[in-house]
């Protein structure tokens, strides 16, 4: 079904057109919505939702099912999301003859991880997307960060950095919003780390996390004075996303991811240069923020990619 065919049908059925527009997600681009709208209209009669021409489908299980399938297909086409084979076997035939011009091409997670491992020197068996801070020199860096900030700016981000990085985080914002909508929000059963990492990788970048034993951290809040557990800090493109505490590395990573995802629940995200504590001193750091005012300071930084002598490591 072409876009022209869809437009002609909606022009002849204004009531259906108005109903269809009410289904558009707030984070969908016009291109994404036009494709998903075509999917919905093409499959209404297949599921028996429109008994007579021009009628609006009745709310119910069948309509909910169609909308869910349309979101699965759109996520697959525009974000590179992967679903169980049984789901894809049902969705792809429903999208036959739908024209999607200039559909994005995605690199699989395995390909991304393979490139990452080739560019780093592995010293253990942990995930290639995570780094551990060595006792001698904490570190984090990435090719994208290096390209953005030249050698003369290693002591802090350049004044132009937020504007340079904002377009990427606008894309990431849309990817996260779509994923959270399809997952039903930040529920307790959501794998927050996998959601965030998957969205970052769909935008063809890598999520970096620094894991540090809690006993090595100074300046923690009073409630975190115990010695057991770990702290995790997440970054992407050198921009700080969130910090989390947990009894083990996986729990700390999950909490940091949840805190990071909360930022994406606002109307937009902003890359800003903020002052943070790092190794007992104030430094300029790039941070991803929403529009909500903050009543308290930021957690101390575990890594600072703009300081000399930092390099990325893969920990065991």
C-alpha atoms as a PDB file:
ATOM      1  CA  UNK A   1       0.000   0.000   0.000  1.00  0.00           C
ATOM      2  CA  UNK A   2       1.510   3.336  -1.076  1.00  0.00           C
ATOM      3  CA  UNK A   3       1.279   6.630   0.786  1.00  0.00           C
ATOM      4  CA  UNK A   4      -0.818   8.012  -2.052  1.00  0.00           C
ATOM      5  CA  UNK A   5      -3.327   5.175  -1.642  1.00  0.00           C
ATOM      6  CA  UNK A   6      -3.546   5.848   2.087  1.00  0.00           C
ATOM      7  CA  UNK A   7      -4.049   9.568   1.533  1.00  0.00           C
ATOM      8  CA  UNK A   8      -6.808   8.934  -0.985  1.00  0.00           C
ATOM      9  CA  UNK A   9      -8.591   6.545   1.365  1.00  0.00           C
ATOM     10  CA  UNK A  10      -8.413   8.972   4.286  1.00  0.00           C
ATOM     11  CA  UNK A  11      -9.587  11.850   2.107  1.00  0.00           C
ATOM     12  CA  UNK A  12     -12.708   9.834   1.302  1.00  0.00           C
ATOM     13  CA  UNK A  13     -13.227   8.840   4.948  1.00  0.00           C
ATOM     14  CA  UNK A  14     -12.593  11.911   7.150  1.00  0.00           C
ATOM     15  CA  UNK A  15     -14.016  10.201  10.232  1.00  0.00           C
ATOM     16  CA  UNK A  16     -11.479   7.383   9.928  1.00  0.00           C
ATOM     17  CA  UNK A  17      -8.733   9.932   9.243  1.00  0.00           C
ATOM     18  CA  UNK A  18      -9.489  11.798  12.471  1.00  0.00           C
ATOM     19  CA  UNK A  19      -9.583   8.533  14.421  1.00  0.00           C
ATOM     20  CA  UNK A  20      -6.267   7.370  12.935  1.00  0.00           C
ATOM     21  CA  UNK A  21      -4.480  10.599  13.860  1.00  0.00           C
ATOM     22  CA  UNK A  22      -5.526  10.111  17.483  1.00  0.00           C
ATOM     23  CA  UNK A  23      -3.361   6.957  17.547  1.00  0.00           C
ATOM     24  CA  UNK A  24      -0.096   8.744  16.729  1.00  0.00           C
ATOM     25  CA  UNK A  25       2.530   8.554  19.473  1.00  0.00           C
ATOM     26  CA  UNK A  26       4.010  11.763  20.824  1.00  0.00           C
ATOM     27  CA  UNK A  27       7.547  10.640  19.961  1.00  0.00           C
ATOM     28  CA  UNK A  28       6.818   9.419  16.421  1.00  0.00           C
ATOM     29  CA  UNK A  29       8.254  11.323  13.488  1.00  0.00           C
ATOM     30  CA  UNK A  30       5.993  11.941  10.499  1.00  0.00           C
ATOM     31  CA  UNK A  31       7.841   9.289   8.515  1.00  0.00           C
ATOM     32  CA  UNK A  32       7.452   6.686  11.259  1.00  0.00           C
ATOM     33  CA  UNK A  33       3.811   7.536  11.826  1.00  0.00           C
ATOM     34  CA  UNK A  34       2.880   7.407   8.133  1.00  0.00           C
ATOM     35  CA  UNK A  35       4.372   3.921   7.885  1.00  0.00           C
ATOM     36  CA  UNK A  36       2.685   2.653  11.060  1.00  0.00           C
ATOM     37  CA  UNK A  37      -0.627   4.261  10.060  1.00  0.00           C
ATOM     38  CA  UNK A  38      -0.449   2.366   6.767  1.00  0.00           C
ATOM     39  CA  UNK A  39       0.166  -0.861   8.684  1.00  0.00           C
ATOM     40  CA  UNK A  40      -2.901  -0.222  10.865  1.00  0.00           C
ATOM     41  CA  UNK A  41      -5.207   0.651   7.977  1.00  0.00           C
ATOM     42  CA  UNK A  42      -3.971  -2.230   5.851  1.00  0.00           C
ATOM     43  CA  UNK A  43      -4.784  -4.784   8.538  1.00  0.00           C
ATOM     44  CA  UNK A  44      -8.052  -3.506  10.018  1.00  0.00           C
ATOM     45  CA  UNK A  45     -10.271  -5.588   7.770  1.00  0.00           C
ATOM     46  CA  UNK A  46      -7.984  -8.617   8.149  1.00  0.00           C
ATOM     47  CA  UNK A  47      -8.768  -8.630  11.868  1.00  0.00           C
ATOM     48  CA  UNK A  48     -12.436  -7.907  11.281  1.00  0.00           C
ATOM     49  CA  UNK A  49     -12.322  -4.430  12.830  1.00  0.00           C
ATOM     50  CA  UNK A  50     -14.253  -2.532  10.135  1.00  0.00           C
ATOM     51  CA  UNK A  51     -17.488  -4.273   9.120  1.00  0.00           C
ATOM     52  CA  UNK A  52     -18.553  -1.415   6.796  1.00  0.00           C
ATOM     53  CA  UNK A  53     -16.574   1.256   4.915  1.00  0.00           C
ATOM     54  CA  UNK A  54     -16.010   4.490   6.815  1.00  0.00           C
ATOM     55  CA  UNK A  55     -16.732   3.111  10.289  1.00  0.00           C
ATOM     56  CA  UNK A  56     -14.328   3.589  13.192  1.00  0.00           C
ATOM     57  CA  UNK A  57     -13.139   0.341  14.822  1.00  0.00           C
ATOM     58  CA  UNK A  58     -14.650  -0.397  18.209  1.00  0.00           C
ATOM     59  CA  UNK A  59     -12.254  -0.383  21.174  1.00  0.00           C
ATOM     60  CA  UNK A  60     -11.389  -3.845  22.376  1.00  0.00           C
ATOM     61  CA  UNK A  61      -8.905  -6.696  22.380  1.00  0.00           C
ATOM     62  CA  UNK A  62      -8.600  -6.899  18.575  1.00  0.00           C
ATOM     63  CA  UNK A  63      -7.803  -3.210  18.243  1.00  0.00           C
ATOM     64  CA  UNK A  64      -5.286  -3.365  21.088  1.00  0.00           C
ATOM     65  CA  UNK A  65      -3.682  -6.343  19.391  1.00  0.00           C
ATOM     66  CA  UNK A  66      -3.442  -4.518  16.062  1.00  0.00           C
ATOM     67  CA  UNK A  67      -1.881  -1.431  17.655  1.00  0.00           C
ATOM     68  CA  UNK A  68       0.640  -3.582  19.518  1.00  0.00           C
ATOM     69  CA  UNK A  69       1.600  -5.407  16.317  1.00  0.00           C
ATOM     70  CA  UNK A  70       1.949  -2.099  14.481  1.00  0.00           C
ATOM     71  CA  UNK A  71       4.341  -0.878  17.192  1.00  0.00           C
ATOM     72  CA  UNK A  72       6.366  -4.092  16.968  1.00  0.00           C
ATOM     73  CA  UNK A  73       6.718  -3.661  13.213  1.00  0.00           C
ATOM     74  CA  UNK A  74       7.624   0.042  13.467  1.00  0.00           C
ATOM     75  CA  UNK A  75      10.182  -0.647  16.208  1.00  0.00           C
ATOM     76  CA  UNK A  76      11.721  -3.347  14.033  1.00  0.00           C
ATOM     77  CA  UNK A  77      11.910  -1.155  10.918  1.00  0.00           C
ATOM     78  CA  UNK A  78      12.933   2.177  12.423  1.00  0.00           C
ATOM     79  CA  UNK A  79      14.817   1.160  15.586  1.00  0.00           C
ATOM     80  CA  UNK A  80      16.210  -2.254  14.695  1.00  0.00           C
ATOM     81  CA  UNK A  81      14.417  -3.985  17.591  1.00  0.00           C
ATOM     82  CA  UNK A  82      14.387  -7.779  17.528  1.00  0.00           C
ATOM     83  CA  UNK A  83      11.511  -9.945  18.716  1.00  0.00           C
ATOM     84  CA  UNK A  84      10.872 -13.697  19.029  1.00  0.00           C
ATOM     85  CA  UNK A  85      10.687 -15.518  15.708  1.00  0.00           C
ATOM     86  CA  UNK A  86       7.009 -16.375  16.235  1.00  0.00           C
ATOM     87  CA  UNK A  87       6.179 -12.668  16.587  1.00  0.00           C
ATOM     88  CA  UNK A  88       8.144 -11.667  13.502  1.00  0.00           C
ATOM     89  CA  UNK A  89       6.585 -14.486  11.477  1.00  0.00           C
ATOM     90  CA  UNK A  90       3.211 -12.918  12.177  1.00  0.00           C
ATOM     91  CA  UNK A  91       4.121  -9.248  11.802  1.00  0.00           C
ATOM     92  CA  UNK A  92       6.195  -9.250   8.618  1.00  0.00           C
ATOM     93  CA  UNK A  93       3.491 -10.765   6.359  1.00  0.00           C
ATOM     94  CA  UNK A  94       1.077  -8.124   7.672  1.00  0.00           C
ATOM     95  CA  UNK A  95       3.440  -5.438   6.345  1.00  0.00           C
ATOM     96  CA  UNK A  96       3.714  -6.796   2.819  1.00  0.00           C
ATOM     97  CA  UNK A  97       3.456  -4.124   0.097  1.00  0.00           C
ATOM     98  CA  UNK A  98       4.022  -1.266   2.565  1.00  0.00           C
ATOM     99  CA  UNK A  99       6.528   1.148   1.057  1.00  0.00           C
ATOM    100  CA  UNK A 100       9.122   2.551   3.457  1.00  0.00           C
ATOM    101  CA  UNK A 101      11.524   4.814   1.610  1.00  0.00           C
ATOM    102  CA  UNK A 102      15.083   5.175   2.930  1.00  0.00           C
ATOM    103  CA  UNK A 103      14.535   2.752   5.806  1.00  0.00           C
ATOM    104  CA  UNK A 104      17.461   2.897   8.267  1.00  0.00           C
ATOM    105  CA  UNK A 105      20.051   0.138   8.244  1.00  0.00           C
ATOM    106  CA  UNK A 106      21.028  -1.249  11.642  1.00  0.00           C
ATOM    107  CA  UNK A 107      24.138  -2.939  12.934  1.00  0.00           C
ATOM    108  CA  UNK A 108      23.456  -5.896  15.187  1.00  0.00           C
ATOM    109  CA  UNK A 109      24.619  -5.934  18.792  1.00  0.00           C
ATOM    110  CA  UNK A 110      27.063  -8.746  18.017  1.00  0.00           C
ATOM    111  CA  UNK A 111      28.675  -6.659  15.269  1.00  0.00           C
ATOM    112  CA  UNK A 112      28.953  -3.640  17.575  1.00  0.00           C
ATOM    113  CA  UNK A 113      30.460  -5.700  20.375  1.00  0.00           C
ATOM    114  CA  UNK A 114      32.888  -7.314  17.957  1.00  0.00           C
ATOM    115  CA  UNK A 115      34.145  -3.906  16.794  1.00  0.00           C
ATOM    116  CA  UNK A 116      34.381  -2.685  20.400  1.00  0.00           C
ATOM    117  CA  UNK A 117      36.454  -5.695  21.473  1.00  0.00           C
ATOM    118  CA  UNK A 118      38.828  -5.225  18.546  1.00  0.00           C
ATOM    119  CA  UNK A 119      39.427  -1.595  19.526  1.00  0.00           C
ATOM    120  CA  UNK A 120      40.140  -2.426  23.199  1.00  0.00           C
ATOM    121  CA  UNK A 121      42.640  -4.693  24.908  1.00  0.00           C
ATOM    122  CA  UNK A 122      40.579  -7.190  26.929  1.00  0.00           C
ATOM    123  CA  UNK A 123      41.853  -8.183  30.361  1.00  0.00           C
ATOM    124  CA  UNK A 124      38.944 -10.298  31.524  1.00  0.00           C
ATOM    125  CA  UNK A 125      35.628 -11.852  30.609  1.00  0.00           C
ATOM    126  CA  UNK A 126      33.219  -9.075  31.550  1.00  0.00           C
ATOM    127  CA  UNK A 127      30.885  -7.415  29.056  1.00  0.00           C
ATOM    128  CA  UNK A 128      32.644  -5.310  26.412  1.00  0.00           C
ATOM    129  CA  UNK A 129      30.250  -2.423  27.008  1.00  0.00           C
ATOM    130  CA  UNK A 130      31.266  -2.027  30.656  1.00  0.00           C
ATOM    131  CA  UNK A 131      34.498  -0.795  32.150  1.00  0.00           C
ATOM    132  CA  UNK A 132      35.891  -1.064  35.657  1.00  0.00           C
ATOM    133  CA  UNK A 133      37.930   1.640  37.262  1.00  0.00           C
ATOM    134  CA  UNK A 134      41.444   0.521  38.066  1.00  0.00           C
ATOM    135  CA  UNK A 135      42.804   1.452  41.470  1.00  0.00           C
ATOM    136  CA  UNK A 136      45.696   3.362  39.932  1.00  0.00           C
ATOM    137  CA  UNK A 137      43.813   5.401  37.338  1.00  0.00           C
ATOM    138  CA  UNK A 138      40.039   5.507  36.755  1.00  0.00           C
ATOM    139  CA  UNK A 139      39.294   5.821  33.093  1.00  0.00           C
ATOM    140  CA  UNK A 140      36.767   6.205  30.335  1.00  0.00           C
ATOM    141  CA  UNK A 141      37.078   7.322  26.750  1.00  0.00           C
ATOM    142  CA  UNK A 142      35.629   6.498  23.356  1.00  0.00           C
ATOM    143  CA  UNK A 143      36.403   7.208  19.694  1.00  0.00           C
ATOM    144  CA  UNK A 144      33.314   9.433  19.458  1.00  0.00           C
ATOM    145  CA  UNK A 145      34.397  11.417  22.507  1.00  0.00           C
ATOM    146  CA  UNK A 146      37.902  11.806  21.141  1.00  0.00           C
ATOM    147  CA  UNK A 147      36.528  13.116  17.865  1.00  0.00           C
ATOM    148  CA  UNK A 148      34.404  15.681  19.642  1.00  0.00           C
ATOM    149  CA  UNK A 149      36.976  16.990  22.096  1.00  0.00           C
ATOM    150  CA  UNK A 150      40.472  17.633  20.804  1.00  0.00           C
ATOM    151  CA  UNK A 151      43.730  17.258  22.667  1.00  0.00           C
ATOM    152  CA  UNK A 152      43.694  20.878  23.852  1.00  0.00           C
ATOM    153  CA  UNK A 153      40.401  20.368  25.708  1.00  0.00           C
ATOM    154  CA  UNK A 154      41.137  17.292  27.856  1.00  0.00           C
ATOM    155  CA  UNK A 155      40.761  19.203  31.099  1.00  0.00           C
ATOM    156  CA  UNK A 156      37.100  19.910  30.372  1.00  0.00           C
ATOM    157  CA  UNK A 157      34.453  19.805  27.657  1.00  0.00           C
ATOM    158  CA  UNK A 158      34.461  22.548  25.058  1.00  0.00           C
ATOM    159  CA  UNK A 159      31.779  25.215  25.153  1.00  0.00           C
ATOM    160  CA  UNK A 160      30.487  23.867  21.827  1.00  0.00           C
ATOM    161  CA  UNK A 161      30.167  20.279  23.080  1.00  0.00           C
ATOM    162  CA  UNK A 162      26.502  20.440  24.232  1.00  0.00           C
ATOM    163  CA  UNK A 163      25.361  21.784  20.852  1.00  0.00           C
ATOM    164  CA  UNK A 164      27.455  19.210  18.994  1.00  0.00           C
ATOM    165  CA  UNK A 165      26.067  16.296  21.000  1.00  0.00           C
ATOM    166  CA  UNK A 166      22.429  17.427  21.318  1.00  0.00           C
ATOM    167  CA  UNK A 167      21.273  15.986  17.938  1.00  0.00           C
ATOM    168  CA  UNK A 168      22.444  12.505  18.943  1.00  0.00           C
ATOM    169  CA  UNK A 169      20.642  12.650  22.287  1.00  0.00           C
ATOM    170  CA  UNK A 170      17.496  13.905  20.554  1.00  0.00           C
ATOM    171  CA  UNK A 171      17.566  10.688  18.513  1.00  0.00           C
ATOM    172  CA  UNK A 172      18.263   8.635  21.621  1.00  0.00           C
ATOM    173  CA  UNK A 173      15.344  10.349  23.376  1.00  0.00           C
ATOM    174  CA  UNK A 174      12.966   9.214  20.628  1.00  0.00           C
ATOM    175  CA  UNK A 175      14.349   5.670  20.712  1.00  0.00           C
ATOM    176  CA  UNK A 176      13.953   5.411  24.497  1.00  0.00           C
ATOM    177  CA  UNK A 177      10.432   6.875  24.423  1.00  0.00           C
ATOM    178  CA  UNK A 178       9.342   4.358  21.811  1.00  0.00           C
ATOM    179  CA  UNK A 179      10.867   1.506  23.775  1.00  0.00           C
ATOM    180  CA  UNK A 180       9.242   2.554  27.050  1.00  0.00           C
ATOM    181  CA  UNK A 181       5.859   2.955  25.353  1.00  0.00           C
ATOM    182  CA  UNK A 182       6.077  -0.542  23.867  1.00  0.00           C
ATOM    183  CA  UNK A 183       7.218  -1.929  27.251  1.00  0.00           C
ATOM    184  CA  UNK A 184       4.415  -0.227  29.186  1.00  0.00           C
ATOM    185  CA  UNK A 185       6.638   2.229  31.080  1.00  0.00           C
ATOM    186  CA  UNK A 186       9.261   1.872  33.806  1.00  0.00           C
ATOM    187  CA  UNK A 187       7.713  -1.195  35.417  1.00  0.00           C
ATOM    188  CA  UNK A 188       9.413  -3.273  38.142  1.00  0.00           C
ATOM    189  CA  UNK A 189       9.948  -6.199  35.770  1.00  0.00           C
ATOM    190  CA  UNK A 190      11.708  -4.107  33.120  1.00  0.00           C
ATOM    191  CA  UNK A 191      15.381  -4.851  32.452  1.00  0.00           C
ATOM    192  CA  UNK A 192      16.434  -1.211  32.627  1.00  0.00           C
ATOM    193  CA  UNK A 193      20.042  -1.802  31.600  1.00  0.00           C
ATOM    194  CA  UNK A 194      19.132  -3.828  28.502  1.00  0.00           C
ATOM    195  CA  UNK A 195      16.509  -1.245  27.476  1.00  0.00           C
ATOM    196  CA  UNK A 196      19.001   1.615  27.735  1.00  0.00           C
ATOM    197  CA  UNK A 197      21.836  -0.301  26.103  1.00  0.00           C
ATOM    198  CA  UNK A 198      19.590  -1.504  23.285  1.00  0.00           C
ATOM    199  CA  UNK A 199      18.394   2.037  22.541  1.00  0.00           C
ATOM    200  CA  UNK A 200      21.961   3.392  22.549  1.00  0.00           C
ATOM    201  CA  UNK A 201      23.096   0.652  20.197  1.00  0.00           C
ATOM    202  CA  UNK A 202      20.109   1.264  17.904  1.00  0.00           C
ATOM    203  CA  UNK A 203      21.509   4.794  17.544  1.00  0.00           C
ATOM    204  CA  UNK A 204      24.870   3.211  16.629  1.00  0.00           C
ATOM    205  CA  UNK A 205      26.766   4.198  19.773  1.00  0.00           C
ATOM    206  CA  UNK A 206      27.982   2.332  22.854  1.00  0.00           C
ATOM    207  CA  UNK A 207      26.856   2.640  26.458  1.00  0.00           C
ATOM    208  CA  UNK A 208      29.802   2.785  28.861  1.00  0.00           C
ATOM    209  CA  UNK A 209      29.574   1.945  32.544  1.00  0.00           C
ATOM    210  CA  UNK A 210      32.174   2.367  35.249  1.00  0.00           C
ATOM    211  CA  UNK A 211      31.877  -0.005  38.225  1.00  0.00           C
ATOM    212  CA  UNK A 212      33.670   0.836  41.477  1.00  0.00           C
ATOM    213  CA  UNK A 213      33.588  -0.952  44.877  1.00  0.00           C
ATOM    214  CA  UNK A 214      31.689   1.176  47.368  1.00  0.00           C
ATOM    215  CA  UNK A 215      34.578   1.120  49.832  1.00  0.00           C
ATOM    216  CA  UNK A 216      36.714   3.092  47.365  1.00  0.00           C
ATOM    217  CA  UNK A 217      34.240   5.997  47.119  1.00  0.00           C
ATOM    218  CA  UNK A 218      34.562   9.126  49.255  1.00  0.00           C
ATOM    219  CA  UNK A 219      31.954  11.803  49.779  1.00  0.00           C
ATOM    220  CA  UNK A 220      28.932   9.494  49.576  1.00  0.00           C
ATOM    221  CA  UNK A 221      25.568  10.452  51.104  1.00  0.00           C
ATOM    222  CA  UNK A 222      25.208   9.511  54.789  1.00  0.00           C
ATOM    223  CA  UNK A 223      22.971   6.532  53.969  1.00  0.00           C
ATOM    224  CA  UNK A 224      25.694   5.038  51.746  1.00  0.00           C
ATOM    225  CA  UNK A 225      28.516   4.991  54.268  1.00  0.00           C
ATOM    226  CA  UNK A 226      28.650   1.173  54.422  1.00  0.00           C
ATOM    227  CA  UNK A 227      31.584  -0.632  52.833  1.00  0.00           C
ATOM    228  CA  UNK A 228      29.773  -3.398  50.945  1.00  0.00           C
ATOM    229  CA  UNK A 229      28.410  -3.106  47.434  1.00  0.00           C
ATOM    230  CA  UNK A 230      29.246  -1.272  44.223  1.00  0.00           C
ATOM    231  CA  UNK A 231      28.597   2.028  42.511  1.00  0.00           C
ATOM    232  CA  UNK A 232      27.919   2.268  38.777  1.00  0.00           C
ATOM    233  CA  UNK A 233      28.148   5.339  36.557  1.00  0.00           C
ATOM    234  CA  UNK A 234      26.749   5.334  33.019  1.00  0.00           C
ATOM    235  CA  UNK A 235      27.937   7.488  30.142  1.00  0.00           C
ATOM    236  CA  UNK A 236      27.371   7.729  26.416  1.00  0.00           C
ATOM    237  CA  UNK A 237      29.486   9.877  24.106  1.00  0.00           C
ATOM    238  CA  UNK A 238      31.261  11.080  27.236  1.00  0.00           C
ATOM    239  CA  UNK A 239      27.988  12.465  28.635  1.00  0.00           C
ATOM    240  CA  UNK A 240      26.957  11.416  32.154  1.00  0.00           C
ATOM    241  CA  UNK A 241      23.586   9.623  32.285  1.00  0.00           C
ATOM    242  CA  UNK A 242      23.139   8.265  35.814  1.00  0.00           C
ATOM    243  CA  UNK A 243      24.596   6.691  38.957  1.00  0.00           C
ATOM    244  CA  UNK A 244      23.323   3.685  40.898  1.00  0.00           C
ATOM    245  CA  UNK A 245      24.214   1.790  44.070  1.00  0.00           C
ATOM    246  CA  UNK A 246      23.744  -1.960  44.603  1.00  0.00           C
ATOM    247  CA  UNK A 247      24.875  -4.986  46.562  1.00  0.00           C
ATOM    248  CA  UNK A 248      26.654  -6.333  43.503  1.00  0.00           C
ATOM    249  CA  UNK A 249      27.690  -5.073  40.088  1.00  0.00           C
ATOM    250  CA  UNK A 250      24.505  -6.170  38.325  1.00  0.00           C
ATOM    251  CA  UNK A 251      22.278  -4.441  40.904  1.00  0.00           C
ATOM    252  CA  UNK A 252      24.324  -1.246  40.734  1.00  0.00           C
ATOM    253  CA  UNK A 253      24.161  -1.267  36.952  1.00  0.00           C
ATOM    254  CA  UNK A 254      20.399  -1.807  37.010  1.00  0.00           C
ATOM    255  CA  UNK A 255      19.854   1.092  39.425  1.00  0.00           C
ATOM    256  CA  UNK A 256      22.059   3.416  37.380  1.00  0.00           C
ATOM    257  CA  UNK A 257      20.114   2.490  34.244  1.00  0.00           C
ATOM    258  CA  UNK A 258      16.790   3.148  35.963  1.00  0.00           C
ATOM    259  CA  UNK A 259      17.991   6.578  37.099  1.00  0.00           C
ATOM    260  CA  UNK A 260      19.178   7.333  33.564  1.00  0.00           C
ATOM    261  CA  UNK A 261      15.853   6.287  32.018  1.00  0.00           C
ATOM    262  CA  UNK A 262      13.964   8.638  34.348  1.00  0.00           C
ATOM    263  CA  UNK A 263      15.574  11.573  32.555  1.00  0.00           C
ATOM    264  CA  UNK A 264      13.893  10.479  29.306  1.00  0.00           C
ATOM    265  CA  UNK A 265      10.390  10.742  30.812  1.00  0.00           C
ATOM    266  CA  UNK A 266      10.289  14.522  30.412  1.00  0.00           C
ATOM    267  CA  UNK A 267       9.321  16.464  27.309  1.00  0.00           C
ATOM    268  CA  UNK A 268      12.935  16.575  26.124  1.00  0.00           C
ATOM    269  CA  UNK A 269      16.518  15.981  27.217  1.00  0.00           C
ATOM    270  CA  UNK A 270      19.288  18.560  27.294  1.00  0.00           C
ATOM    271  CA  UNK A 271      23.069  18.198  27.225  1.00  0.00           C
ATOM    272  CA  UNK A 272      24.599  20.711  29.623  1.00  0.00           C
ATOM    273  CA  UNK A 273      27.953  21.502  31.191  1.00  0.00           C
ATOM    274  CA  UNK A 274      27.643  21.252  34.987  1.00  0.00           C
ATOM    275  CA  UNK A 275      30.017  21.441  37.938  1.00  0.00           C
ATOM    276  CA  UNK A 276      30.576  18.153  39.776  1.00  0.00           C
ATOM    277  CA  UNK A 277      32.860  16.734  42.401  1.00  0.00           C
ATOM    278  CA  UNK A 278      35.575  14.454  41.027  1.00  0.00           C
ATOM    279  CA  UNK A 279      38.334  13.089  43.269  1.00  0.00           C
ATOM    280  CA  UNK A 280      37.653  15.853  45.786  1.00  0.00           C
ATOM    281  CA  UNK A 281      37.698  18.788  43.376  1.00  0.00           C
ATOM    282  CA  UNK A 282      35.152  20.660  41.264  1.00  0.00           C
ATOM    283  CA  UNK A 283      35.256  19.913  37.527  1.00  0.00           C
ATOM    284  CA  UNK A 284      33.180  20.716  34.461  1.00  0.00           C
ATOM    285  CA  UNK A 285      31.313  17.647  33.196  1.00  0.00           C
ATOM    286  CA  UNK A 286      28.807  16.969  30.445  1.00  0.00           C
ATOM    287  CA  UNK A 287      25.465  15.785  31.797  1.00  0.00           C
ATOM    288  CA  UNK A 288      22.137  14.748  30.283  1.00  0.00           C
ATOM    289  CA  UNK A 289      19.259  16.482  32.081  1.00  0.00           C
ATOM    290  CA  UNK A 290      15.527  16.961  31.749  1.00  0.00           C
ATOM    291  CA  UNK A 291      13.658  20.213  32.352  1.00  0.00           C
ATOM    292  CA  UNK A 292      12.831  19.477  35.986  1.00  0.00           C
ATOM    293  CA  UNK A 293      14.509  21.704  38.609  1.00  0.00           C
ATOM    294  CA  UNK A 294      16.869  19.865  40.963  1.00  0.00           C
ATOM    295  CA  UNK A 295      16.729  20.418  44.716  1.00  0.00           C
ATOM    296  CA  UNK A 296      20.058  18.710  45.456  1.00  0.00           C
ATOM    297  CA  UNK A 297      23.511  18.352  43.979  1.00  0.00           C
ATOM    298  CA  UNK A 298      24.774  15.677  41.649  1.00  0.00           C
ATOM    299  CA  UNK A 299      26.498  12.467  42.812  1.00  0.00           C
ATOM    300  CA  UNK A 300      30.300  12.635  42.749  1.00  0.00           C
ATOM    301  CA  UNK A 301      31.747  11.604  39.399  1.00  0.00           C
ATOM    302  CA  UNK A 302      33.422   8.200  39.106  1.00  0.00           C
ATOM    303  CA  UNK A 303      34.999   9.072  35.765  1.00  0.00           C
ATOM    304  CA  UNK A 304      35.878  12.246  33.933  1.00  0.00           C
ATOM    305  CA  UNK A 305      36.713  11.716  30.241  1.00  0.00           C
ATOM    306  CA  UNK A 306      38.141  15.224  29.851  1.00  0.00           C
ATOM    307  CA  UNK A 307      41.060  14.768  32.277  1.00  0.00           C
ATOM    308  CA  UNK A 308      44.579  13.905  31.039  1.00  0.00           C
ATOM    309  CA  UNK A 309      45.817  10.360  31.597  1.00  0.00           C
ATOM    310  CA  UNK A 310      42.483   8.601  31.187  1.00  0.00           C
ATOM    311  CA  UNK A 311      42.085   5.546  29.011  1.00  0.00           C
ATOM    312  CA  UNK A 312      39.333   2.966  28.604  1.00  0.00           C
ATOM    313  CA  UNK A 313      39.820  -0.523  30.026  1.00  0.00           C
ATOM    314  CA  UNK A 314      37.831  -3.701  30.044  1.00  0.00           C
ATOM    315  CA  UNK A 315      37.826  -5.127  33.546  1.00  0.00           C
ATOM    316  CA  UNK A 316      37.505  -8.716  34.630  1.00  0.00           C
END
